[in-house]
Amino acid sequence: MPGFFFSHNNMTELNGKEEYKLAEGKVHRKKQKAFGADLKSYLKCMVPHIEPGIKTSNSRNVTLSAEEVIQWSQSLEKLLASQSGQGVFREFLKSEFSEENIEFWLACEDYKKTRSDHLHGKAERIYEEFVQSDAIKQINIDYQMREATAKKAQDPTYTSFDEAQKTVYILMERDSYPRFLKSKSYLNLLNQLQTNTSK
């Protein structure tokens, strides 16, 4: 039976099933620890104010409360109205490989605040990134809507992406949002904040 190689500081050859199982167990435990650390640092990064006394990254003396996180469960609208909510939801969508939905929705919200002389450039970028049939972050809309949105983007107005944005919003509301509310990332965050509140 050939030896197994693990690259630590020096290459170690392990012979026999017992040694391999032992080493495999250590690697598995390391992966679990690393995953736990990654999750913890991700939560601190996304919501750096989970721990008492730590403020949000924009440091405007805003702290995330259990009440705000509970409000996220009332509607997708309330979740997306919160900067922290957007961030946590976006990370959840990344884990489901569907972050293009919230990115498109946010791009449309930003587009509506654009100065009129910049509309054309932004419309073109949104179309190329999310709408066209070979877009890198293609959103899930049907052929007719894709064609209609393409026409509107050529002669852009503030409402050019409204229909597509509404469709993507409904898709998130019916599909991803209910799963998000049952996800470990949401429930763990809520639990941690409630624990901190009751201390």
N, C-alpha and C. Protein backbone atom coordinates (compact mmCIF):
# COMPACT_ATOMS: atom_id res chain seq x y z
N MET A 1 0.85 -1.20 0.00
CA MET A 1 0.00 0.00 0.00
C MET A 1 0.89 1.24 0.00
N PRO A 2 0.66 2.18 -0.90
CA PRO A 2 1.51 3.37 -0.96
C PRO A 2 1.31 4.26 0.28
N GLY A 3 2.33 5.03 0.61
CA GLY A 3 2.25 5.93 1.77
C GLY A 3 1.40 7.15 1.44
N PHE A 4 0.93 7.85 2.47
CA PHE A 4 0.17 9.08 2.29
C PHE A 4 1.03 10.24 2.72
N PHE A 5 0.99 11.31 1.97
CA PHE A 5 1.85 12.46 2.27
C PHE A 5 1.00 13.64 2.73
N PHE A 6 1.44 14.29 3.80
CA PHE A 6 0.79 15.51 4.30
C PHE A 6 1.87 16.57 4.38
N SER A 7 1.59 17.73 3.84
CA SER A 7 2.63 18.76 3.89
C SER A 7 2.44 19.62 5.14
N HIS A 8 3.26 19.38 6.13
CA HIS A 8 3.36 20.28 7.29
C HIS A 8 4.66 21.04 7.07
N ASN A 9 5.45 21.29 8.13
CA ASN A 9 6.72 21.96 7.93
C ASN A 9 7.68 21.07 7.14
N ASN A 10 7.64 19.77 7.41
CA ASN A 10 8.41 18.83 6.61
C ASN A 10 7.46 17.74 6.13
N MET A 11 7.78 17.07 5.03
CA MET A 11 6.91 16.03 4.48
C MET A 11 7.00 14.79 5.36
N THR A 12 5.84 14.29 5.81
CA THR A 12 5.81 13.12 6.68
C THR A 12 5.09 12.00 5.97
N GLU A 13 5.71 10.85 5.90
CA GLU A 13 5.06 9.72 5.26
C GLU A 13 4.38 8.89 6.33
N LEU A 14 3.12 8.60 6.10
CA LEU A 14 2.38 7.79 7.07
C LEU A 14 2.09 6.43 6.45
N ASN A 15 2.47 5.38 7.16
CA ASN A 15 2.19 4.04 6.68
C ASN A 15 1.15 3.40 7.57
N GLY A 16 0.30 2.60 6.98
CA GLY A 16 -0.68 1.85 7.77
C GLY A 16 -1.98 2.61 7.95
N LYS A 17 -3.03 1.87 8.09
CA LYS A 17 -4.36 2.46 8.20
C LYS A 17 -4.56 3.22 9.50
N GLU A 18 -4.00 2.72 10.61
CA GLU A 18 -4.19 3.37 11.91
C GLU A 18 -3.65 4.79 11.89
N GLU A 19 -2.40 4.92 11.41
CA GLU A 19 -1.77 6.26 11.37
C GLU A 19 -2.55 7.18 10.43
N TYR A 20 -3.01 6.63 9.32
CA TYR A 20 -3.75 7.44 8.37
C TYR A 20 -5.05 7.96 8.99
N LYS A 21 -5.78 7.06 9.68
CA LYS A 21 -7.04 7.45 10.32
C LYS A 21 -6.80 8.53 11.37
N LEU A 22 -5.71 8.38 12.13
CA LEU A 22 -5.37 9.35 13.16
C LEU A 22 -5.12 10.71 12.50
N ALA A 23 -4.31 10.71 11.45
CA ALA A 23 -4.00 11.96 10.75
C ALA A 23 -5.25 12.55 10.11
N GLU A 24 -6.08 11.70 9.53
CA GLU A 24 -7.30 12.16 8.89
C GLU A 24 -8.22 12.83 9.91
N GLY A 25 -8.31 12.24 11.09
CA GLY A 25 -9.12 12.81 12.17
C GLY A 25 -8.63 14.19 12.57
N LYS A 26 -7.30 14.35 12.65
CA LYS A 26 -6.72 15.65 13.01
C LYS A 26 -7.05 16.69 11.94
N VAL A 27 -6.92 16.29 10.67
CA VAL A 27 -7.22 17.21 9.58
C VAL A 27 -8.69 17.62 9.64
N HIS A 28 -9.58 16.64 9.90
CA HIS A 28 -11.01 16.92 9.98
C HIS A 28 -11.31 17.89 11.12
N ARG A 29 -10.67 17.67 12.29
CA ARG A 29 -10.87 18.59 13.43
C ARG A 29 -10.36 19.98 13.10
N LYS A 30 -9.22 20.03 12.40
CA LYS A 30 -8.67 21.33 12.02
C LYS A 30 -9.65 22.07 11.11
N LYS A 31 -10.24 21.31 10.15
CA LYS A 31 -11.21 21.92 9.24
C LYS A 31 -12.42 22.45 10.00
N GLN A 32 -12.89 21.66 10.98
CA GLN A 32 -14.05 22.11 11.78
C GLN A 32 -13.70 23.38 12.54
N LYS A 33 -12.50 23.38 13.17
CA LYS A 33 -12.08 24.58 13.92
C LYS A 33 -11.97 25.77 12.98
N ALA A 34 -11.36 25.53 11.81
CA ALA A 34 -11.19 26.63 10.84
C ALA A 34 -12.55 27.14 10.39
N PHE A 35 -13.49 26.23 10.15
CA PHE A 35 -14.83 26.65 9.73
C PHE A 35 -15.49 27.49 10.82
N GLY A 36 -15.38 27.03 12.07
CA GLY A 36 -15.95 27.78 13.19
C GLY A 36 -15.36 29.18 13.29
N ALA A 37 -14.03 29.25 13.13
CA ALA A 37 -13.33 30.54 13.19
C ALA A 37 -13.76 31.42 12.03
N ASP A 38 -13.88 30.81 10.84
CA ASP A 38 -14.32 31.57 9.67
C ASP A 38 -15.71 32.15 9.87
N LEU A 39 -16.62 31.32 10.41
CA LEU A 39 -17.99 31.76 10.64
C LEU A 39 -18.03 32.91 11.65
N LYS A 40 -17.23 32.75 12.71
CA LYS A 40 -17.19 33.77 13.76
C LYS A 40 -16.65 35.09 13.19
N SER A 41 -15.55 34.99 12.41
CA SER A 41 -14.97 36.22 11.87
C SER A 41 -15.89 36.82 10.81
N TYR A 42 -16.62 35.95 10.06
CA TYR A 42 -17.58 36.45 9.08
C TYR A 42 -18.69 37.24 9.79
N LEU A 43 -19.22 36.68 10.87
CA LEU A 43 -20.29 37.37 11.59
C LEU A 43 -19.79 38.68 12.18
N LYS A 44 -18.56 38.66 12.70
CA LYS A 44 -17.99 39.90 13.25
C LYS A 44 -17.80 40.93 12.16
N CYS A 45 -17.41 40.44 10.97
CA CYS A 45 -17.19 41.33 9.84
C CYS A 45 -18.52 41.90 9.35
N MET A 46 -19.51 41.00 9.19
CA MET A 46 -20.81 41.44 8.70
C MET A 46 -21.56 42.27 9.74
N VAL A 47 -21.51 41.82 10.97
CA VAL A 47 -22.22 42.50 12.05
C VAL A 47 -21.22 42.68 13.20
N PRO A 48 -20.29 43.62 13.04
CA PRO A 48 -19.20 43.72 14.02
C PRO A 48 -19.64 44.18 15.39
N HIS A 49 -20.94 44.48 15.54
CA HIS A 49 -21.44 45.01 16.79
C HIS A 49 -22.28 43.99 17.54
N ILE A 50 -22.08 42.72 17.25
CA ILE A 50 -22.81 41.68 17.98
C ILE A 50 -22.44 41.76 19.46
N GLU A 51 -21.14 41.92 19.70
CA GLU A 51 -20.70 41.94 21.09
C GLU A 51 -21.02 43.30 21.70
N PRO A 52 -21.42 43.33 22.97
CA PRO A 52 -21.80 44.59 23.60
C PRO A 52 -20.69 45.63 23.50
N GLY A 53 -21.08 46.86 23.24
CA GLY A 53 -20.11 47.95 23.23
C GLY A 53 -19.40 48.15 21.91
N ILE A 54 -19.58 47.27 20.95
CA ILE A 54 -18.92 47.46 19.65
C ILE A 54 -19.93 48.08 18.70
N LYS A 55 -19.47 49.11 17.99
CA LYS A 55 -20.39 49.85 17.12
C LYS A 55 -20.30 49.30 15.69
N THR A 56 -21.24 49.74 14.85
CA THR A 56 -21.23 49.29 13.46
C THR A 56 -20.03 49.86 12.74
N SER A 57 -19.72 49.24 11.60
CA SER A 57 -18.54 49.63 10.84
C SER A 57 -18.61 51.08 10.35
N ASN A 58 -19.83 51.62 10.18
CA ASN A 58 -19.91 53.02 9.75
C ASN A 58 -19.81 53.97 10.95
N SER A 59 -19.66 53.40 12.13
CA SER A 59 -19.42 54.09 13.41
C SER A 59 -20.25 55.36 13.59
N ARG A 60 -21.57 55.23 13.37
CA ARG A 60 -22.46 56.36 13.65
C ARG A 60 -23.25 56.06 14.92
N ASN A 61 -22.60 55.42 15.86
CA ASN A 61 -23.20 55.05 17.13
C ASN A 61 -24.48 54.22 16.97
N VAL A 62 -24.51 53.40 15.91
CA VAL A 62 -25.66 52.54 15.68
C VAL A 62 -25.26 51.12 16.09
N THR A 63 -26.04 50.53 16.97
CA THR A 63 -25.76 49.14 17.32
C THR A 63 -26.93 48.29 16.88
N LEU A 64 -26.62 47.08 16.50
CA LEU A 64 -27.66 46.16 16.05
C LEU A 64 -28.31 45.53 17.27
N SER A 65 -29.62 45.58 17.31
CA SER A 65 -30.33 45.04 18.46
C SER A 65 -31.12 43.80 18.05
N ALA A 66 -31.49 43.01 19.04
CA ALA A 66 -32.32 41.83 18.79
C ALA A 66 -33.65 42.27 18.17
N GLU A 67 -34.17 43.44 18.60
CA GLU A 67 -35.44 43.94 18.06
C GLU A 67 -35.34 44.17 16.55
N GLU A 68 -34.21 44.77 16.11
CA GLU A 68 -34.04 45.04 14.68
C GLU A 68 -33.96 43.72 13.90
N VAL A 69 -33.23 42.76 14.43
CA VAL A 69 -33.09 41.47 13.76
C VAL A 69 -34.43 40.73 13.72
N ILE A 70 -35.23 40.89 14.77
CA ILE A 70 -36.58 40.30 14.78
C ILE A 70 -37.43 40.97 13.69
N GLN A 71 -37.27 42.28 13.52
CA GLN A 71 -38.03 43.01 12.49
C GLN A 71 -37.73 42.48 11.09
N TRP A 72 -36.51 41.99 10.88
CA TRP A 72 -36.16 41.44 9.56
C TRP A 72 -37.12 40.30 9.18
N SER A 73 -37.65 39.62 10.21
CA SER A 73 -38.53 38.47 9.93
C SER A 73 -39.95 38.90 9.57
N GLN A 74 -40.26 40.21 9.71
CA GLN A 74 -41.61 40.68 9.41
C GLN A 74 -41.86 40.80 7.91
N SER A 75 -40.83 41.22 7.18
CA SER A 75 -40.97 41.31 5.72
C SER A 75 -39.60 41.48 5.09
N LEU A 76 -39.51 41.09 3.83
CA LEU A 76 -38.26 41.29 3.08
C LEU A 76 -37.96 42.77 2.97
N GLU A 77 -39.00 43.58 2.87
CA GLU A 77 -38.83 45.04 2.78
C GLU A 77 -38.08 45.57 4.00
N LYS A 78 -38.47 45.09 5.20
CA LYS A 78 -37.80 45.54 6.43
C LYS A 78 -36.36 45.04 6.49
N LEU A 79 -36.14 43.84 6.00
CA LEU A 79 -34.78 43.30 5.97
C LEU A 79 -33.89 44.15 5.06
N LEU A 80 -34.39 44.47 3.87
CA LEU A 80 -33.59 45.23 2.91
C LEU A 80 -33.47 46.71 3.27
N ALA A 81 -34.32 47.19 4.16
CA ALA A 81 -34.23 48.58 4.61
C ALA A 81 -33.07 48.76 5.59
N SER A 82 -32.56 47.65 6.11
CA SER A 82 -31.46 47.70 7.07
C SER A 82 -30.14 47.38 6.38
N GLN A 83 -29.14 48.26 6.59
CA GLN A 83 -27.80 48.03 6.01
C GLN A 83 -27.24 46.69 6.47
N SER A 84 -27.34 46.44 7.77
CA SER A 84 -26.83 45.18 8.32
C SER A 84 -27.62 44.00 7.77
N GLY A 85 -28.93 44.19 7.65
CA GLY A 85 -29.79 43.15 7.10
C GLY A 85 -29.39 42.79 5.67
N GLN A 86 -29.13 43.82 4.87
CA GLN A 86 -28.68 43.60 3.49
C GLN A 86 -27.40 42.75 3.47
N GLY A 87 -26.48 43.10 4.35
CA GLY A 87 -25.19 42.40 4.40
C GLY A 87 -25.33 40.93 4.78
N VAL A 88 -26.12 40.67 5.82
CA VAL A 88 -26.30 39.29 6.29
C VAL A 88 -27.06 38.48 5.24
N PHE A 89 -28.09 39.09 4.63
CA PHE A 89 -28.88 38.40 3.61
C PHE A 89 -28.02 38.11 2.37
N ARG A 90 -27.18 39.07 2.03
CA ARG A 90 -26.30 38.89 0.86
C ARG A 90 -25.37 37.70 1.07
N GLU A 91 -24.81 37.59 2.27
CA GLU A 91 -23.92 36.45 2.57
C GLU A 91 -24.69 35.13 2.51
N PHE A 92 -25.93 35.15 2.97
CA PHE A 92 -26.76 33.95 2.88
C PHE A 92 -26.98 33.58 1.41
N LEU A 93 -27.31 34.57 0.58
CA LEU A 93 -27.53 34.31 -0.85
C LEU A 93 -26.26 33.79 -1.51
N LYS A 94 -25.11 34.30 -1.07
CA LYS A 94 -23.83 33.79 -1.60
C LYS A 94 -23.72 32.30 -1.33
N SER A 95 -24.12 31.88 -0.13
CA SER A 95 -24.04 30.46 0.23
C SER A 95 -24.98 29.62 -0.64
N GLU A 96 -25.98 30.25 -1.22
CA GLU A 96 -26.92 29.55 -2.11
C GLU A 96 -26.62 29.85 -3.59
N PHE A 97 -25.52 30.54 -3.84
CA PHE A 97 -25.10 30.90 -5.20
C PHE A 97 -26.17 31.70 -5.94
N SER A 98 -26.83 32.61 -5.22
CA SER A 98 -27.83 33.46 -5.87
C SER A 98 -27.71 34.92 -5.45
N GLU A 99 -26.47 35.35 -5.14
CA GLU A 99 -26.28 36.73 -4.68
C GLU A 99 -26.55 37.76 -5.77
N GLU A 100 -26.61 37.30 -7.04
CA GLU A 100 -26.90 38.24 -8.13
C GLU A 100 -28.26 38.91 -7.93
N ASN A 101 -29.18 38.25 -7.24
CA ASN A 101 -30.51 38.83 -7.02
C ASN A 101 -30.45 40.09 -6.17
N ILE A 102 -29.79 40.01 -5.02
CA ILE A 102 -29.71 41.21 -4.16
C ILE A 102 -28.80 42.25 -4.79
N GLU A 103 -27.75 41.82 -5.49
CA GLU A 103 -26.85 42.78 -6.13
C GLU A 103 -27.59 43.56 -7.22
N PHE A 104 -28.43 42.86 -7.98
CA PHE A 104 -29.24 43.55 -9.00
C PHE A 104 -30.23 44.49 -8.35
N TRP A 105 -30.90 44.02 -7.31
CA TRP A 105 -31.89 44.85 -6.62
C TRP A 105 -31.24 46.12 -6.07
N LEU A 106 -30.07 45.98 -5.45
CA LEU A 106 -29.35 47.14 -4.91
C LEU A 106 -28.87 48.07 -6.04
N ALA A 107 -28.41 47.48 -7.15
CA ALA A 107 -27.97 48.29 -8.29
C ALA A 107 -29.13 49.11 -8.83
N CYS A 108 -30.33 48.53 -8.85
CA CYS A 108 -31.54 49.25 -9.31
C CYS A 108 -31.89 50.38 -8.34
N GLU A 109 -31.78 50.12 -7.04
CA GLU A 109 -32.05 51.17 -6.04
C GLU A 109 -31.07 52.33 -6.22
N ASP A 110 -29.81 52.00 -6.45
CA ASP A 110 -28.78 53.03 -6.67
C ASP A 110 -29.06 53.78 -7.98
N TYR A 111 -29.48 53.06 -9.00
CA TYR A 111 -29.78 53.63 -10.32
C TYR A 111 -30.86 54.71 -10.22
N LYS A 112 -31.85 54.48 -9.37
CA LYS A 112 -32.95 55.45 -9.22
C LYS A 112 -32.48 56.76 -8.61
N LYS A 113 -31.32 56.75 -7.95
CA LYS A 113 -30.80 57.98 -7.33
C LYS A 113 -29.74 58.66 -8.22
N THR A 114 -29.54 58.13 -9.42
CA THR A 114 -28.49 58.62 -10.32
C THR A 114 -28.88 59.95 -10.95
N ARG A 115 -27.89 60.81 -11.13
CA ARG A 115 -28.13 62.06 -11.85
C ARG A 115 -28.48 61.73 -13.30
N SER A 116 -29.38 62.50 -13.89
CA SER A 116 -29.90 62.17 -15.23
C SER A 116 -28.80 62.06 -16.29
N ASP A 117 -27.72 62.85 -16.15
CA ASP A 117 -26.66 62.79 -17.16
C ASP A 117 -25.81 61.52 -17.03
N HIS A 118 -25.98 60.77 -15.95
CA HIS A 118 -25.24 59.51 -15.76
C HIS A 118 -26.10 58.27 -15.99
N LEU A 119 -27.39 58.48 -16.28
CA LEU A 119 -28.32 57.36 -16.44
C LEU A 119 -27.87 56.38 -17.51
N HIS A 120 -27.45 56.90 -18.65
CA HIS A 120 -27.12 56.04 -19.78
C HIS A 120 -25.98 55.07 -19.43
N GLY A 121 -24.93 55.59 -18.84
CA GLY A 121 -23.77 54.77 -18.47
C GLY A 121 -24.13 53.70 -17.45
N LYS A 122 -24.92 54.09 -16.44
CA LYS A 122 -25.32 53.13 -15.40
C LYS A 122 -26.26 52.07 -15.96
N ALA A 123 -27.19 52.50 -16.80
CA ALA A 123 -28.14 51.55 -17.41
C ALA A 123 -27.38 50.50 -18.22
N GLU A 124 -26.39 50.96 -18.95
CA GLU A 124 -25.58 50.05 -19.76
C GLU A 124 -24.85 49.02 -18.88
N ARG A 125 -24.27 49.51 -17.78
CA ARG A 125 -23.53 48.61 -16.86
C ARG A 125 -24.46 47.58 -16.23
N ILE A 126 -25.63 48.03 -15.77
CA ILE A 126 -26.60 47.11 -15.15
C ILE A 126 -27.05 46.06 -16.17
N TYR A 127 -27.34 46.53 -17.39
CA TYR A 127 -27.78 45.60 -18.44
C TYR A 127 -26.70 44.55 -18.71
N GLU A 128 -25.46 45.00 -18.88
CA GLU A 128 -24.36 44.07 -19.21
C GLU A 128 -24.06 43.11 -18.07
N GLU A 129 -24.15 43.60 -16.84
CA GLU A 129 -23.78 42.77 -15.69
C GLU A 129 -24.87 41.77 -15.29
N PHE A 130 -26.14 42.17 -15.44
CA PHE A 130 -27.23 41.35 -14.89
C PHE A 130 -28.28 40.86 -15.89
N VAL A 131 -28.52 41.60 -16.97
CA VAL A 131 -29.70 41.33 -17.80
C VAL A 131 -29.38 40.56 -19.07
N GLN A 132 -28.35 40.96 -19.80
CA GLN A 132 -28.12 40.31 -21.10
C GLN A 132 -27.93 38.81 -20.95
N SER A 133 -28.23 38.09 -22.02
CA SER A 133 -28.30 36.62 -21.93
C SER A 133 -26.99 35.95 -21.54
N ASP A 134 -25.85 36.60 -21.75
CA ASP A 134 -24.58 35.99 -21.32
C ASP A 134 -23.92 36.80 -20.19
N ALA A 135 -24.76 37.50 -19.41
CA ALA A 135 -24.25 38.33 -18.31
C ALA A 135 -23.56 37.46 -17.26
N ILE A 136 -22.53 38.00 -16.65
CA ILE A 136 -21.76 37.29 -15.61
C ILE A 136 -22.67 36.94 -14.43
N LYS A 137 -23.51 37.91 -14.03
CA LYS A 137 -24.41 37.69 -12.88
C LYS A 137 -25.86 37.71 -13.36
N GLN A 138 -26.14 36.91 -14.35
CA GLN A 138 -27.47 36.93 -14.98
C GLN A 138 -28.59 36.64 -14.00
N ILE A 139 -29.59 37.52 -13.99
CA ILE A 139 -30.76 37.32 -13.13
C ILE A 139 -31.76 36.41 -13.83
N ASN A 140 -32.64 35.82 -13.02
CA ASN A 140 -33.60 34.84 -13.52
C ASN A 140 -34.91 35.52 -13.94
N ILE A 141 -34.93 36.02 -15.19
CA ILE A 141 -36.16 36.60 -15.75
C ILE A 141 -36.43 35.92 -17.09
N ASP A 142 -37.68 35.94 -17.52
CA ASP A 142 -37.99 35.25 -18.78
C ASP A 142 -37.54 36.05 -19.99
N TYR A 143 -37.61 35.40 -21.14
CA TYR A 143 -37.11 35.98 -22.40
C TYR A 143 -37.79 37.31 -22.73
N GLN A 144 -39.13 37.36 -22.60
CA GLN A 144 -39.87 38.58 -22.94
C GLN A 144 -39.42 39.76 -22.07
N MET A 145 -39.26 39.50 -20.77
CA MET A 145 -38.83 40.59 -19.87
C MET A 145 -37.39 41.01 -20.18
N ARG A 146 -36.55 40.04 -20.51
CA ARG A 146 -35.16 40.34 -20.86
C ARG A 146 -35.12 41.27 -22.08
N GLU A 147 -35.94 40.93 -23.09
CA GLU A 147 -35.99 41.74 -24.32
C GLU A 147 -36.55 43.14 -24.03
N ALA A 148 -37.63 43.19 -23.25
CA ALA A 148 -38.26 44.48 -22.92
C ALA A 148 -37.29 45.36 -22.12
N THR A 149 -36.57 44.75 -21.18
CA THR A 149 -35.61 45.50 -20.36
C THR A 149 -34.45 45.99 -21.23
N ALA A 150 -34.03 45.18 -22.19
CA ALA A 150 -32.94 45.58 -23.10
C ALA A 150 -33.35 46.83 -23.88
N LYS A 151 -34.59 46.87 -24.36
CA LYS A 151 -35.08 48.03 -25.12
C LYS A 151 -35.11 49.27 -24.23
N LYS A 152 -35.62 49.10 -23.01
CA LYS A 152 -35.71 50.24 -22.08
C LYS A 152 -34.32 50.76 -21.70
N ALA A 153 -33.35 49.86 -21.60
CA ALA A 153 -31.98 50.26 -21.21
C ALA A 153 -31.29 51.05 -22.32
N GLN A 154 -31.73 50.87 -23.57
CA GLN A 154 -31.11 51.61 -24.69
C GLN A 154 -31.49 53.09 -24.66
N ASP A 155 -32.69 53.38 -24.19
CA ASP A 155 -33.15 54.76 -24.05
C ASP A 155 -33.60 54.92 -22.59
N PRO A 156 -32.64 54.98 -21.67
CA PRO A 156 -32.96 54.81 -20.25
C PRO A 156 -33.75 55.96 -19.62
N THR A 157 -34.66 55.54 -18.73
CA THR A 157 -35.37 56.46 -17.84
C THR A 157 -35.20 55.89 -16.43
N TYR A 158 -35.71 56.60 -15.43
CA TYR A 158 -35.57 56.12 -14.06
C TYR A 158 -36.35 54.83 -13.80
N THR A 159 -37.28 54.48 -14.69
CA THR A 159 -38.10 53.28 -14.49
C THR A 159 -37.67 52.11 -15.39
N SER A 160 -36.56 52.25 -16.09
CA SER A 160 -36.13 51.24 -17.06
C SER A 160 -36.05 49.82 -16.50
N PHE A 161 -35.64 49.70 -15.23
CA PHE A 161 -35.43 48.36 -14.65
C PHE A 161 -36.51 47.97 -13.64
N ASP A 162 -37.56 48.79 -13.54
CA ASP A 162 -38.58 48.56 -12.51
C ASP A 162 -39.23 47.17 -12.58
N GLU A 163 -39.63 46.76 -13.79
CA GLU A 163 -40.31 45.46 -13.93
C GLU A 163 -39.39 44.31 -13.56
N ALA A 164 -38.15 44.36 -14.05
CA ALA A 164 -37.18 43.30 -13.75
C ALA A 164 -36.86 43.29 -12.26
N GLN A 165 -36.73 44.49 -11.67
CA GLN A 165 -36.43 44.58 -10.23
C GLN A 165 -37.57 43.98 -9.41
N LYS A 166 -38.80 44.28 -9.82
CA LYS A 166 -39.97 43.75 -9.11
C LYS A 166 -40.00 42.22 -9.19
N THR A 167 -39.70 41.68 -10.35
CA THR A 167 -39.67 40.23 -10.54
C THR A 167 -38.63 39.57 -9.64
N VAL A 168 -37.45 40.17 -9.59
CA VAL A 168 -36.36 39.63 -8.76
C VAL A 168 -36.72 39.75 -7.28
N TYR A 169 -37.36 40.84 -6.90
CA TYR A 169 -37.80 41.02 -5.51
C TYR A 169 -38.78 39.91 -5.11
N ILE A 170 -39.76 39.66 -5.98
CA ILE A 170 -40.76 38.60 -5.70
C ILE A 170 -40.09 37.24 -5.60
N LEU A 171 -39.12 37.01 -6.47
CA LEU A 171 -38.37 35.75 -6.44
C LEU A 171 -37.65 35.58 -5.10
N MET A 172 -37.00 36.64 -4.63
CA MET A 172 -36.31 36.57 -3.33
C MET A 172 -37.31 36.39 -2.20
N GLU A 173 -38.43 37.11 -2.29
CA GLU A 173 -39.44 37.09 -1.23
C GLU A 173 -40.08 35.70 -1.08
N ARG A 174 -40.32 35.04 -2.20
CA ARG A 174 -40.99 33.73 -2.16
C ARG A 174 -40.03 32.57 -1.95
N ASP A 175 -38.80 32.76 -2.39
CA ASP A 175 -37.86 31.63 -2.43
C ASP A 175 -36.77 31.73 -1.37
N SER A 176 -35.88 32.69 -1.51
CA SER A 176 -34.70 32.77 -0.63
C SER A 176 -35.03 33.29 0.77
N TYR A 177 -35.90 34.29 0.85
CA TYR A 177 -36.20 34.93 2.14
C TYR A 177 -36.75 33.95 3.19
N PRO A 178 -37.74 33.09 2.86
CA PRO A 178 -38.21 32.13 3.88
C PRO A 178 -37.10 31.18 4.35
N ARG A 179 -36.21 30.78 3.41
CA ARG A 179 -35.09 29.91 3.80
C ARG A 179 -34.10 30.66 4.69
N PHE A 180 -33.89 31.94 4.39
CA PHE A 180 -33.00 32.77 5.20
C PHE A 180 -33.48 32.81 6.66
N LEU A 181 -34.79 32.98 6.84
CA LEU A 181 -35.34 33.07 8.20
C LEU A 181 -35.18 31.77 8.99
N LYS A 182 -35.05 30.66 8.28
CA LYS A 182 -34.84 29.36 8.95
C LYS A 182 -33.36 28.98 9.02
N SER A 183 -32.50 29.81 8.42
CA SER A 183 -31.08 29.46 8.31
C SER A 183 -30.34 29.62 9.64
N LYS A 184 -29.25 28.88 9.77
CA LYS A 184 -28.42 28.97 10.98
C LYS A 184 -27.84 30.36 11.13
N SER A 185 -27.45 30.99 10.02
CA SER A 185 -26.82 32.32 10.12
C SER A 185 -27.78 33.33 10.76
N TYR A 186 -29.05 33.28 10.36
CA TYR A 186 -30.03 34.21 10.94
C TYR A 186 -30.36 33.83 12.38
N LEU A 187 -30.68 32.57 12.61
CA LEU A 187 -31.10 32.12 13.95
C LEU A 187 -29.97 32.26 14.98
N ASN A 188 -28.73 31.96 14.57
CA ASN A 188 -27.59 32.11 15.49
C ASN A 188 -27.36 33.57 15.85
N LEU A 189 -27.48 34.45 14.84
CA LEU A 189 -27.30 35.88 15.08
C LEU A 189 -28.35 36.39 16.06
N LEU A 190 -29.59 36.02 15.82
CA LEU A 190 -30.69 36.44 16.69
C LEU A 190 -30.49 35.91 18.11
N ASN A 191 -30.12 34.65 18.21
CA ASN A 191 -29.90 34.01 19.51
C ASN A 191 -28.77 34.71 20.27
N GLN A 192 -27.69 35.04 19.56
CA GLN A 192 -26.55 35.70 20.21
C GLN A 192 -26.94 37.09 20.72
N LEU A 193 -27.70 37.82 19.92
CA LEU A 193 -28.12 39.16 20.33
C LEU A 193 -29.10 39.10 21.51
N GLN A 194 -30.00 38.13 21.49
CA GLN A 194 -30.94 37.97 22.60
C GLN A 194 -30.21 37.57 23.88
N THR A 195 -29.17 36.73 23.74
CA THR A 195 -28.36 36.33 24.90
C THR A 195 -27.64 37.53 25.47
N ASN A 196 -27.06 38.37 24.58
CA ASN A 196 -26.36 39.58 25.03
C ASN A 196 -27.32 40.54 25.75
N THR A 197 -28.55 40.64 25.23
CA THR A 197 -29.54 41.55 25.82
C THR A 197 -29.93 41.10 27.22
N SER A 198 -30.05 39.78 27.40
CA SER A 198 -30.50 39.27 28.70
C SER A 198 -29.41 39.22 29.76
N LYS A 199 -28.16 39.52 29.34
CA LYS A 199 -27.05 39.49 30.33
C LYS A 199 -27.14 40.65 31.30
